[in-house]
PDB file of all heavy atoms in Angstrom:
ATOM      1  N   VAL A   1       0.867  -1.176  -0.028  1.00  0.00           N
ATOM      2  CA  VAL A   1       0.003  -0.031   0.001  1.00  0.00           C
ATOM      3  C   VAL A   1       0.909   1.248   0.013  1.00  0.00           C
ATOM      4  O   VAL A   1       1.799   1.344   0.823  1.00  0.00           O
ATOM      5  CB  VAL A   1      -0.928  -0.057   1.236  1.00  0.00           C
ATOM      6  CG1 VAL A   1      -1.738   1.256   1.297  1.00  0.00           C
ATOM      7  CG2 VAL A   1      -1.800  -1.223   1.281  1.00  0.00           C
ATOM      8  N   ARG A   2       0.651   2.141  -0.931  1.00  0.00           N
ATOM      9  CA  ARG A   2       1.526   3.302  -1.093  1.00  0.00           C
ATOM     10  C   ARG A   2       1.492   4.196   0.191  1.00  0.00           C
ATOM     11  O   ARG A   2       2.525   4.819   0.519  1.00  0.00           O
ATOM     12  CB  ARG A   2       1.029   4.138  -2.284  1.00  0.00           C
ATOM     13  CG  ARG A   2       2.042   4.860  -3.115  1.00  0.00           C
ATOM     14  CD  ARG A   2       3.310   4.050  -3.240  1.00  0.00           C
ATOM     15  NE  ARG A   2       4.274   4.895  -3.989  1.00  0.00           N
ATOM     16  CZ  ARG A   2       5.581   4.947  -3.668  1.00  0.00           C
ATOM     17  NH1 ARG A   2       6.047   4.372  -2.668  1.00  0.00           N
ATOM     18  NH2 ARG A   2       6.344   5.740  -4.371  1.00  0.00           N
ATOM     19  N   GLY A   3       0.379   4.221   0.861  1.00  0.00           N
ATOM     20  CA  GLY A   3       0.284   5.019   2.005  1.00  0.00           C
ATOM     21  C   GLY A   3       0.825   4.458   3.370  1.00  0.00           C
ATOM     22  O   GLY A   3       0.760   5.057   4.385  1.00  0.00           O
ATOM     23  N   ASP A   4       1.359   3.253   3.204  1.00  0.00           N
ATOM     24  CA  ASP A   4       1.922   2.669   4.445  1.00  0.00           C
ATOM     25  C   ASP A   4       3.121   3.444   4.921  1.00  0.00           C
ATOM     26  O   ASP A   4       3.587   4.299   4.303  1.00  0.00           O
ATOM     27  CB  ASP A   4       2.119   1.125   4.375  1.00  0.00           C
ATOM     28  CG  ASP A   4       3.263   0.731   3.462  1.00  0.00           C
ATOM     29  OD1 ASP A   4       3.980   1.629   2.956  1.00  0.00           O
ATOM     30  OD2 ASP A   4       3.468  -0.498   3.294  1.00  0.00           O
ATOM     31  N   ARG A   5       3.568   3.026   6.078  1.00  0.00           N
ATOM     32  CA  ARG A   5       4.690   3.717   6.747  1.00  0.00           C
ATOM     33  C   ARG A   5       5.891   4.008   5.812  1.00  0.00           C
ATOM     34  O   ARG A   5       6.392   3.213   5.082  1.00  0.00           O
ATOM     35  CB  ARG A   5       5.261   2.955   7.947  1.00  0.00           C
ATOM     36  CG  ARG A   5       4.154   2.572   8.921  1.00  0.00           C
ATOM     37  CD  ARG A   5       4.684   1.719   9.945  1.00  0.00           C
ATOM     38  NE  ARG A   5       5.221   0.453   9.369  1.00  0.00           N
ATOM     39  CZ  ARG A   5       5.886  -0.468  10.075  1.00  0.00           C
ATOM     40  NH1 ARG A   5       6.117  -0.296  11.302  1.00  0.00           N
ATOM     41  NH2 ARG A   5       6.280  -1.568   9.380  1.00  0.00           N
ATOM     42  N   SER A   6       6.437   5.193   6.003  1.00  0.00           N
ATOM     43  CA  SER A   6       7.637   5.593   5.343  1.00  0.00           C
ATOM     44  C   SER A   6       8.767   5.801   6.400  1.00  0.00           C
ATOM     45  O   SER A   6       8.413   6.232   7.521  1.00  0.00           O
ATOM     46  CB  SER A   6       7.467   6.857   4.500  1.00  0.00           C
ATOM     47  OG  SER A   6       6.625   6.708   3.420  1.00  0.00           O
ATOM     48  N   PRO A   7       9.953   5.578   6.101  1.00  0.00           N
ATOM     49  CA  PRO A   7      11.039   5.736   7.060  1.00  0.00           C
ATOM     50  C   PRO A   7      11.240   7.238   7.431  1.00  0.00           C
ATOM     51  O   PRO A   7      11.057   8.065   6.619  1.00  0.00           O
ATOM     52  CB  PRO A   7      12.304   5.164   6.399  1.00  0.00           C
ATOM     53  CG  PRO A   7      11.943   4.870   5.011  1.00  0.00           C
ATOM     54  CD  PRO A   7      10.500   5.015   4.796  1.00  0.00           C
ATOM     55  N   ASN A   8      11.454   7.433   8.714  1.00  0.00           N
ATOM     56  CA  ASN A   8      11.819   8.820   9.166  1.00  0.00           C
ATOM     57  C   ASN A   8      13.317   8.915   9.052  1.00  0.00           C
ATOM     58  O   ASN A   8      14.081   8.417   9.860  1.00  0.00           O
ATOM     59  CB  ASN A   8      11.410   9.015  10.633  1.00  0.00           C
ATOM     60  CG  ASN A   8      11.684  10.357  11.101  1.00  0.00           C
ATOM     61  OD1 ASN A   8      12.745  10.955  10.846  1.00  0.00           O
ATOM     62  ND2 ASN A   8      10.779  10.920  11.958  1.00  0.00           N
ATOM     63  N   LEU A   9      13.775   9.646   8.033  1.00  0.00           N
ATOM     64  CA  LEU A   9      15.216   9.748   7.685  1.00  0.00           C
ATOM     65  C   LEU A   9      16.001  10.471   8.716  1.00  0.00           C
ATOM     66  O   LEU A   9      17.164  10.204   8.974  1.00  0.00           O
ATOM     67  CB  LEU A   9      15.344  10.355   6.324  1.00  0.00           C
ATOM     68  CG  LEU A   9      14.734   9.558   5.147  1.00  0.00           C
ATOM     69  CD1 LEU A   9      15.092  10.338   3.854  1.00  0.00           C
ATOM     70  CD2 LEU A   9      15.285   8.195   5.121  1.00  0.00           C
ATOM     71  N   GLU A  10      15.295  11.415   9.476  1.00  0.00           N
ATOM     72  CA  GLU A  10      16.082  12.154  10.532  1.00  0.00           C
ATOM     73  C   GLU A  10      16.374  11.285  11.765  1.00  0.00           C
ATOM     74  O   GLU A  10      17.343  11.446  12.394  1.00  0.00           O
ATOM     75  CB  GLU A  10      15.186  13.349  10.968  1.00  0.00           C
ATOM     76  CG  GLU A  10      15.166  14.370   9.907  1.00  0.00           C
ATOM     77  CD  GLU A  10      14.372  15.643  10.322  1.00  0.00           C
ATOM     78  OE1 GLU A  10      13.999  15.760  11.474  1.00  0.00           O
ATOM     79  OE2 GLU A  10      14.101  16.488   9.424  1.00  0.00           O
ATOM     80  N   LYS A  11      15.529  10.272  12.032  1.00  0.00           N
ATOM     81  CA  LYS A  11      15.689   9.402  13.130  1.00  0.00           C
ATOM     82  C   LYS A  11      16.500   8.097  12.763  1.00  0.00           C
ATOM     83  O   LYS A  11      17.005   7.433  13.624  1.00  0.00           O
ATOM     84  CB  LYS A  11      14.384   8.944  13.750  1.00  0.00           C
ATOM     85  CG  LYS A  11      13.642  10.121  14.355  1.00  0.00           C
ATOM     86  CD  LYS A  11      12.290   9.640  14.908  1.00  0.00           C
ATOM     87  CE  LYS A  11      11.392  10.728  15.501  1.00  0.00           C
ATOM     88  NZ  LYS A  11      10.113  10.122  15.985  1.00  0.00           N
ATOM     89  N   SER A  12      16.463   7.711  11.507  1.00  0.00           N
ATOM     90  CA  SER A  12      17.136   6.508  11.062  1.00  0.00           C
ATOM     91  C   SER A  12      18.684   6.814  10.902  1.00  0.00           C
ATOM     92  O   SER A  12      19.106   7.920  10.823  1.00  0.00           O
ATOM     93  CB  SER A  12      16.552   6.077   9.647  1.00  0.00           C
ATOM     94  OG  SER A  12      15.154   5.830   9.774  1.00  0.00           O
ATOM     95  N   GLY A  13      19.365   5.698  10.846  1.00  0.00           N
ATOM     96  CA  GLY A  13      20.823   5.861  10.692  1.00  0.00           C
ATOM     97  C   GLY A  13      21.461   4.576  10.245  1.00  0.00           C
ATOM     98  O   GLY A  13      20.801   3.519  10.276  1.00  0.00           O
ATOM     99  N   TYR A  14      22.655   4.715   9.749  1.00  0.00           N
ATOM    100  CA  TYR A  14      23.431   3.562   9.318  1.00  0.00           C
ATOM    101  C   TYR A  14      24.937   3.793   9.490  1.00  0.00           C
ATOM    102  O   TYR A  14      25.372   4.883   9.534  1.00  0.00           O
ATOM    103  CB  TYR A  14      23.132   3.166   7.875  1.00  0.00           C
ATOM    104  CG  TYR A  14      23.593   4.214   6.834  1.00  0.00           C
ATOM    105  CD1 TYR A  14      24.818   4.146   6.298  1.00  0.00           C
ATOM    106  CD2 TYR A  14      22.761   5.333   6.451  1.00  0.00           C
ATOM    107  CE1 TYR A  14      25.285   5.037   5.429  1.00  0.00           C
ATOM    108  CE2 TYR A  14      23.160   6.246   5.546  1.00  0.00           C
ATOM    109  CZ  TYR A  14      24.482   6.123   5.015  1.00  0.00           C
ATOM    110  OH  TYR A  14      24.911   7.117   4.162  1.00  0.00           O
ATOM    111  N   VAL A  15      25.626   2.630   9.487  1.00  0.00           N
ATOM    112  CA  VAL A  15      27.113   2.699   9.586  1.00  0.00           C
ATOM    113  C   VAL A  15      27.601   1.753   8.521  1.00  0.00           C
ATOM    114  O   VAL A  15      27.102   0.593   8.408  1.00  0.00           O
ATOM    115  CB  VAL A  15      27.681   2.274  10.914  1.00  0.00           C
ATOM    116  CG1 VAL A  15      29.172   2.211  10.897  1.00  0.00           C
ATOM    117  CG2 VAL A  15      27.142   3.172  12.050  1.00  0.00           C
ATOM    118  N   LEU A  16      28.512   2.143   7.673  1.00  0.00           N
ATOM    119  CA  LEU A  16      29.126   1.271   6.655  1.00  0.00           C
ATOM    120  C   LEU A  16      30.425   0.762   7.241  1.00  0.00           C
ATOM    121  O   LEU A  16      31.201   1.581   7.724  1.00  0.00           O
ATOM    122  CB  LEU A  16      29.346   1.995   5.348  1.00  0.00           C
ATOM    123  CG  LEU A  16      28.065   2.401   4.626  1.00  0.00           C
ATOM    124  CD1 LEU A  16      28.471   3.073   3.309  1.00  0.00           C
ATOM    125  CD2 LEU A  16      27.038   1.306   4.419  1.00  0.00           C
ATOM    126  N   HIS A  17      30.705  -0.509   7.049  1.00  0.00           N
ATOM    127  CA  HIS A  17      31.917  -1.134   7.503  1.00  0.00           C
ATOM    128  C   HIS A  17      32.695  -1.701   6.311  1.00  0.00           C
ATOM    129  O   HIS A  17      32.105  -2.490   5.550  1.00  0.00           O
ATOM    130  CB  HIS A  17      31.641  -2.289   8.492  1.00  0.00           C
ATOM    131  CG  HIS A  17      30.826  -1.871   9.690  1.00  0.00           C
ATOM    132  ND1 HIS A  17      31.406  -1.313  10.833  1.00  0.00           N
ATOM    133  CD2 HIS A  17      29.518  -1.970   9.911  1.00  0.00           C
ATOM    134  CE1 HIS A  17      30.502  -1.040  11.712  1.00  0.00           C
ATOM    135  NE2 HIS A  17      29.337  -1.485  11.207  1.00  0.00           N
ATOM    136  N   THR A  18      33.928  -1.231   6.094  1.00  0.00           N
ATOM    137  CA  THR A  18      34.690  -1.791   5.042  1.00  0.00           C
ATOM    138  C   THR A  18      35.324  -3.104   5.547  1.00  0.00           C
ATOM    139  O   THR A  18      35.395  -3.330   6.802  1.00  0.00           O
ATOM    140  CB  THR A  18      35.731  -0.833   4.552  1.00  0.00           C
ATOM    141  OG1 THR A  18      36.599  -0.410   5.644  1.00  0.00           O
ATOM    142  CG2 THR A  18      35.134   0.402   3.937  1.00  0.00           C
ATOM    143  N   THR A  19      35.805  -3.893   4.646  1.00  0.00           N
ATOM    144  CA  THR A  19      36.401  -5.141   5.059  1.00  0.00           C
ATOM    145  C   THR A  19      37.742  -5.238   4.428  1.00  0.00           C
ATOM    146  O   THR A  19      38.175  -4.341   3.656  1.00  0.00           O
ATOM    147  CB  THR A  19      35.536  -6.393   4.609  1.00  0.00           C
ATOM    148  OG1 THR A  19      35.634  -6.501   3.164  1.00  0.00           O
ATOM    149  CG2 THR A  19      34.069  -6.261   5.087  1.00  0.00           C
ATOM    150  N   SER A  20      38.466  -6.302   4.701  1.00  0.00           N
ATOM    151  CA  SER A  20      39.861  -6.467   4.056  1.00  0.00           C
ATOM    152  C   SER A  20      39.717  -6.777   2.594  1.00  0.00           C
ATOM    153  O   SER A  20      40.676  -6.583   1.872  1.00  0.00           O
ATOM    154  CB  SER A  20      40.585  -7.639   4.798  1.00  0.00           C
ATOM    155  OG  SER A  20      39.875  -8.859   4.652  1.00  0.00           O
ATOM    156  N   ASP A  21      38.485  -7.141   2.178  1.00  0.00           N
ATOM    157  CA  ASP A  21      38.277  -7.353   0.724  1.00  0.00           C
ATOM    158  C   ASP A  21      37.680  -6.007   0.213  1.00  0.00           C
ATOM    159  O   ASP A  21      36.602  -5.636   0.603  1.00  0.00           O
ATOM    160  CB  ASP A  21      37.332  -8.492   0.452  1.00  0.00           C
ATOM    161  CG  ASP A  21      36.994  -8.733  -0.933  1.00  0.00           C
ATOM    162  OD1 ASP A  21      37.229  -7.876  -1.792  1.00  0.00           O
ATOM    163  OD2 ASP A  21      36.613  -9.876  -1.212  1.00  0.00           O
ATOM    164  N   PRO A  22      38.352  -5.325  -0.722  1.00  0.00           N
ATOM    165  CA  PRO A  22      37.839  -4.010  -1.179  1.00  0.00           C
ATOM    166  C   PRO A  22      36.537  -4.122  -1.960  1.00  0.00           C
ATOM    167  O   PRO A  22      35.851  -3.131  -2.164  1.00  0.00           O
ATOM    168  CB  PRO A  22      38.982  -3.509  -2.128  1.00  0.00           C
ATOM    169  CG  PRO A  22      39.787  -4.683  -2.484  1.00  0.00           C
ATOM    170  CD  PRO A  22      39.660  -5.707  -1.351  1.00  0.00           C
ATOM    171  N   ASP A  23      36.109  -5.321  -2.374  1.00  0.00           N
ATOM    172  CA  ASP A  23      34.892  -5.549  -3.050  1.00  0.00           C
ATOM    173  C   ASP A  23      33.756  -5.922  -2.115  1.00  0.00           C
ATOM    174  O   ASP A  23      32.649  -6.255  -2.585  1.00  0.00           O
ATOM    175  CB  ASP A  23      35.007  -6.629  -4.159  1.00  0.00           C
ATOM    176  CG  ASP A  23      35.904  -6.135  -5.263  1.00  0.00           C
ATOM    177  OD1 ASP A  23      36.018  -4.907  -5.502  1.00  0.00           O
ATOM    178  OD2 ASP A  23      36.618  -6.964  -5.858  1.00  0.00           O
ATOM    179  N   VAL A  24      33.944  -5.910  -0.795  1.00  0.00           N
ATOM    180  CA  VAL A  24      32.899  -6.235   0.189  1.00  0.00           C
ATOM    181  C   VAL A  24      32.785  -5.177   1.199  1.00  0.00           C
ATOM    182  O   VAL A  24      33.777  -4.702   1.692  1.00  0.00           O
ATOM    183  CB  VAL A  24      33.226  -7.595   0.833  1.00  0.00           C
ATOM    184  CG1 VAL A  24      32.218  -7.925   1.961  1.00  0.00           C
ATOM    185  CG2 VAL A  24      33.305  -8.743  -0.214  1.00  0.00           C
ATOM    186  N   PHE A  25      31.517  -4.726   1.458  1.00  0.00           N
ATOM    187  CA  PHE A  25      31.277  -3.842   2.606  1.00  0.00           C
ATOM    188  C   PHE A  25      29.926  -4.297   3.258  1.00  0.00           C
ATOM    189  O   PHE A  25      29.172  -4.998   2.684  1.00  0.00           O
ATOM    190  CB  PHE A  25      31.302  -2.363   2.168  1.00  0.00           C
ATOM    191  CG  PHE A  25      30.101  -1.954   1.325  1.00  0.00           C
ATOM    192  CD1 PHE A  25      28.998  -1.439   1.949  1.00  0.00           C
ATOM    193  CD2 PHE A  25      30.240  -1.993  -0.029  1.00  0.00           C
ATOM    194  CE1 PHE A  25      27.910  -0.993   1.099  1.00  0.00           C
ATOM    195  CE2 PHE A  25      29.254  -1.508  -0.845  1.00  0.00           C
ATOM    196  CZ  PHE A  25      28.056  -1.051  -0.247  1.00  0.00           C
ATOM    197  N   ILE A  26      29.852  -3.911   4.518  1.00  0.00           N
ATOM    198  CA  ILE A  26      28.660  -4.276   5.313  1.00  0.00           C
ATOM    199  C   ILE A  26      27.953  -2.995   5.797  1.00  0.00           C
ATOM    200  O   ILE A  26      28.596  -2.071   6.268  1.00  0.00           O
ATOM    201  CB  ILE A  26      29.108  -5.098   6.558  1.00  0.00           C
ATOM    202  CG1 ILE A  26      29.832  -6.402   6.055  1.00  0.00           C
ATOM    203  CG2 ILE A  26      27.921  -5.357   7.450  1.00  0.00           C
ATOM    204  CD1 ILE A  26      30.540  -7.116   7.127  1.00  0.00           C
ATOM    205  N   ALA A  27      26.636  -3.016   5.641  1.00  0.00           N
ATOM    206  CA  ALA A  27      25.783  -1.872   6.118  1.00  0.00           C
ATOM    207  C   ALA A  27      25.010  -2.407   7.328  1.00  0.00           C
ATOM    208  O   ALA A  27      24.371  -3.438   7.335  1.00  0.00           O
ATOM    209  CB  ALA A  27      24.801  -1.438   5.068  1.00  0.00           C
ATOM    210  N   GLU A  28      25.172  -1.609   8.456  1.00  0.00           N
ATOM    211  CA  GLU A  28      24.477  -1.825   9.684  1.00  0.00           C
ATOM    212  C   GLU A  28      23.417  -0.727   9.774  1.00  0.00           C
ATOM    213  O   GLU A  28      23.798   0.449   9.843  1.00  0.00           O
ATOM    214  CB  GLU A  28      25.416  -1.804  10.872  1.00  0.00           C
ATOM    215  CG  GLU A  28      24.910  -2.047  12.213  1.00  0.00           C
ATOM    216  CD  GLU A  28      26.016  -2.009  13.249  1.00  0.00           C
ATOM    217  OE1 GLU A  28      27.217  -1.760  12.899  1.00  0.00           O
ATOM    218  OE2 GLU A  28      25.594  -2.157  14.444  1.00  0.00           O
ATOM    219  N   ILE A  29      22.116  -1.062   9.754  1.00  0.00           N
ATOM    220  CA  ILE A  29      21.067  -0.118   9.569  1.00  0.00           C
ATOM    221  C   ILE A  29      20.051  -0.139  10.709  1.00  0.00           C
ATOM    222  O   ILE A  29      19.619  -1.214  11.105  1.00  0.00           O
ATOM    223  CB  ILE A  29      20.360  -0.345   8.230  1.00  0.00           C
ATOM    224  CG1 ILE A  29      21.388  -0.383   7.096  1.00  0.00           C
ATOM    225  CG2 ILE A  29      19.303   0.660   7.952  1.00  0.00           C
ATOM    226  CD1 ILE A  29      20.906  -1.012   5.892  1.00  0.00           C
ATOM    227  N   ASP A  30      19.633   1.006  11.205  1.00  0.00           N
ATOM    228  CA  ASP A  30      18.491   1.162  12.038  1.00  0.00           C
ATOM    229  C   ASP A  30      17.503   2.086  11.380  1.00  0.00           C
ATOM    230  O   ASP A  30      17.799   3.291  11.256  1.00  0.00           O
ATOM    231  CB  ASP A  30      18.892   1.691  13.377  1.00  0.00           C
ATOM    232  CG  ASP A  30      19.694   0.689  14.259  1.00  0.00           C
ATOM    233  OD1 ASP A  30      19.232  -0.435  14.343  1.00  0.00           O
ATOM    234  OD2 ASP A  30      20.757   1.067  14.770  1.00  0.00           O
ATOM    235  N   THR A  31      16.407   1.540  10.870  1.00  0.00           N
ATOM    236  CA  THR A  31      15.407   2.331  10.200  1.00  0.00           C
ATOM    237  C   THR A  31      14.267   2.624  11.152  1.00  0.00           C
ATOM    238  O   THR A  31      13.727   1.666  11.754  1.00  0.00           O
ATOM    239  CB  THR A  31      14.864   1.597   8.931  1.00  0.00           C
ATOM    240  OG1 THR A  31      15.983   1.277   8.041  1.00  0.00           O
ATOM    241  CG2 THR A  31      13.896   2.444   8.169  1.00  0.00           C
ATOM    242  N   VAL A  32      13.889   3.838  11.286  1.00  0.00           N
ATOM    243  CA  VAL A  32      12.855   4.274  12.233  1.00  0.00           C
ATOM    244  C   VAL A  32      11.641   4.638  11.449  1.00  0.00           C
ATOM    245  O   VAL A  32      11.683   5.458  10.543  1.00  0.00           O
ATOM    246  CB  VAL A  32      13.303   5.415  13.155  1.00  0.00           C
ATOM    247  CG1 VAL A  32      12.169   5.848  14.046  1.00  0.00           C
ATOM    248  CG2 VAL A  32      14.613   5.056  13.943  1.00  0.00           C
ATOM    249  N   PHE A  33      10.478   4.033  11.771  1.00  0.00           N
ATOM    250  CA  PHE A  33       9.178   4.369  11.220  1.00  0.00           C
ATOM    251  C   PHE A  33       8.417   5.072  12.366  1.00  0.00           C
ATOM    252  O   PHE A  33       8.351   4.564  13.427  1.00  0.00           O
ATOM    253  CB  PHE A  33       8.448   3.152  10.784  1.00  0.00           C
ATOM    254  CG  PHE A  33       9.124   2.423   9.582  1.00  0.00           C
ATOM    255  CD1 PHE A  33      10.126   1.363   9.961  1.00  0.00           C
ATOM    256  CD2 PHE A  33       8.933   2.771   8.305  1.00  0.00           C
ATOM    257  CE1 PHE A  33      10.716   0.704   8.898  1.00  0.00           C
ATOM    258  CE2 PHE A  33       9.621   2.099   7.268  1.00  0.00           C
ATOM    259  CZ  PHE A  33      10.458   1.077   7.566  1.00  0.00           C
ATOM    260  N   ASP A  34       7.806   6.239  12.008  1.00  0.00           N
ATOM    261  CA  ASP A  34       6.974   6.862  12.973  1.00  0.00           C
ATOM    262  C   ASP A  34       5.671   6.048  13.174  1.00  0.00           C
ATOM    263  O   ASP A  34       5.052   5.579  12.237  1.00  0.00           O
ATOM    264  CB  ASP A  34       6.584   8.280  12.483  1.00  0.00           C
ATOM    265  CG  ASP A  34       7.731   9.195  12.376  1.00  0.00           C
ATOM    266  OD1 ASP A  34       8.647   9.122  13.239  1.00  0.00           O
ATOM    267  OD2 ASP A  34       7.765  10.072  11.455  1.00  0.00           O
ATOM    268  N   GLY A  35       5.427   5.865  14.457  1.00  0.00           N
ATOM    269  CA  GLY A  35       4.222   5.120  14.828  1.00  0.00           C
ATOM    270  C   GLY A  35       3.191   6.031  15.514  1.00  0.00           C
ATOM    271  O   GLY A  35       3.445   7.175  15.705  1.00  0.00           O
ATOM    272  N   ASP A  36       2.039   5.408  15.838  1.00  0.00           N
ATOM    273  CA  ASP A  36       1.053   6.168  16.630  1.00  0.00           C
ATOM    274  C   ASP A  36       1.432   6.136  18.078  1.00  0.00           C
ATOM    275  O   ASP A  36       1.176   5.242  18.792  1.00  0.00           O
ATOM    276  CB  ASP A  36      -0.321   5.504  16.401  1.00  0.00           C
ATOM    277  CG  ASP A  36      -0.822   5.614  14.989  1.00  0.00           C
ATOM    278  OD1 ASP A  36      -0.433   6.537  14.320  1.00  0.00           O
ATOM    279  OD2 ASP A  36      -1.616   4.722  14.590  1.00  0.00           O
ATOM    280  N   GLY A  37       2.264   7.106  18.473  1.00  0.00           N
ATOM    281  CA  GLY A  37       2.726   7.162  19.843  1.00  0.00           C
ATOM    282  C   GLY A  37       4.163   6.537  20.042  1.00  0.00           C
ATOM    283  O   GLY A  37       4.912   7.062  20.742  1.00  0.00           O
ATOM    284  N   ASP A  38       4.407   5.446  19.364  1.00  0.00           N
ATOM    285  CA  ASP A  38       5.718   4.790  19.481  1.00  0.00           C
ATOM    286  C   ASP A  38       6.362   4.588  18.136  1.00  0.00           C
ATOM    287  O   ASP A  38       5.662   4.213  17.156  1.00  0.00           O
ATOM    288  CB  ASP A  38       5.522   3.401  20.140  1.00  0.00           C
ATOM    289  CG  ASP A  38       5.182   3.447  21.660  1.00  0.00           C
ATOM    290  OD1 ASP A  38       5.640   4.418  22.277  1.00  0.00           O
ATOM    291  OD2 ASP A  38       4.395   2.537  22.065  1.00  0.00           O
ATOM    292  N   ASP A  39       7.631   4.906  18.094  1.00  0.00           N
ATOM    293  CA  ASP A  39       8.334   4.684  16.882  1.00  0.00           C
ATOM    294  C   ASP A  39       8.608   3.229  16.704  1.00  0.00           C
ATOM    295  O   ASP A  39       8.785   2.511  17.776  1.00  0.00           O
ATOM    296  CB  ASP A  39       9.642   5.429  16.841  1.00  0.00           C
ATOM    297  CG  ASP A  39       9.527   6.961  16.789  1.00  0.00           C
ATOM    298  OD1 ASP A  39       8.394   7.349  16.393  1.00  0.00           O
ATOM    299  OD2 ASP A  39      10.462   7.621  17.136  1.00  0.00           O
ATOM    300  N   VAL A  40       8.723   2.666  15.528  1.00  0.00           N
ATOM    301  CA  VAL A  40       9.061   1.322  15.274  1.00  0.00           C
ATOM    302  C   VAL A  40      10.467   1.359  14.634  1.00  0.00           C
ATOM    303  O   VAL A  40      10.703   1.996  13.604  1.00  0.00           O
ATOM    304  CB  VAL A  40       8.045   0.652  14.289  1.00  0.00           C
ATOM    305  CG1 VAL A  40       8.475  -0.700  13.975  1.00  0.00           C
ATOM    306  CG2 VAL A  40       6.629   0.673  14.899  1.00  0.00           C
TER     307      VAL A  40
END
């Protein structure tokens, strides 16, 4: 559904981790969705 939750970019965040292999990286992500009273 197009109207379902969208991520709150101001509250969300990520960290990129490089590895010893230059062709591999890891993304650690916390996506925050605004909820009715509580964020998810």
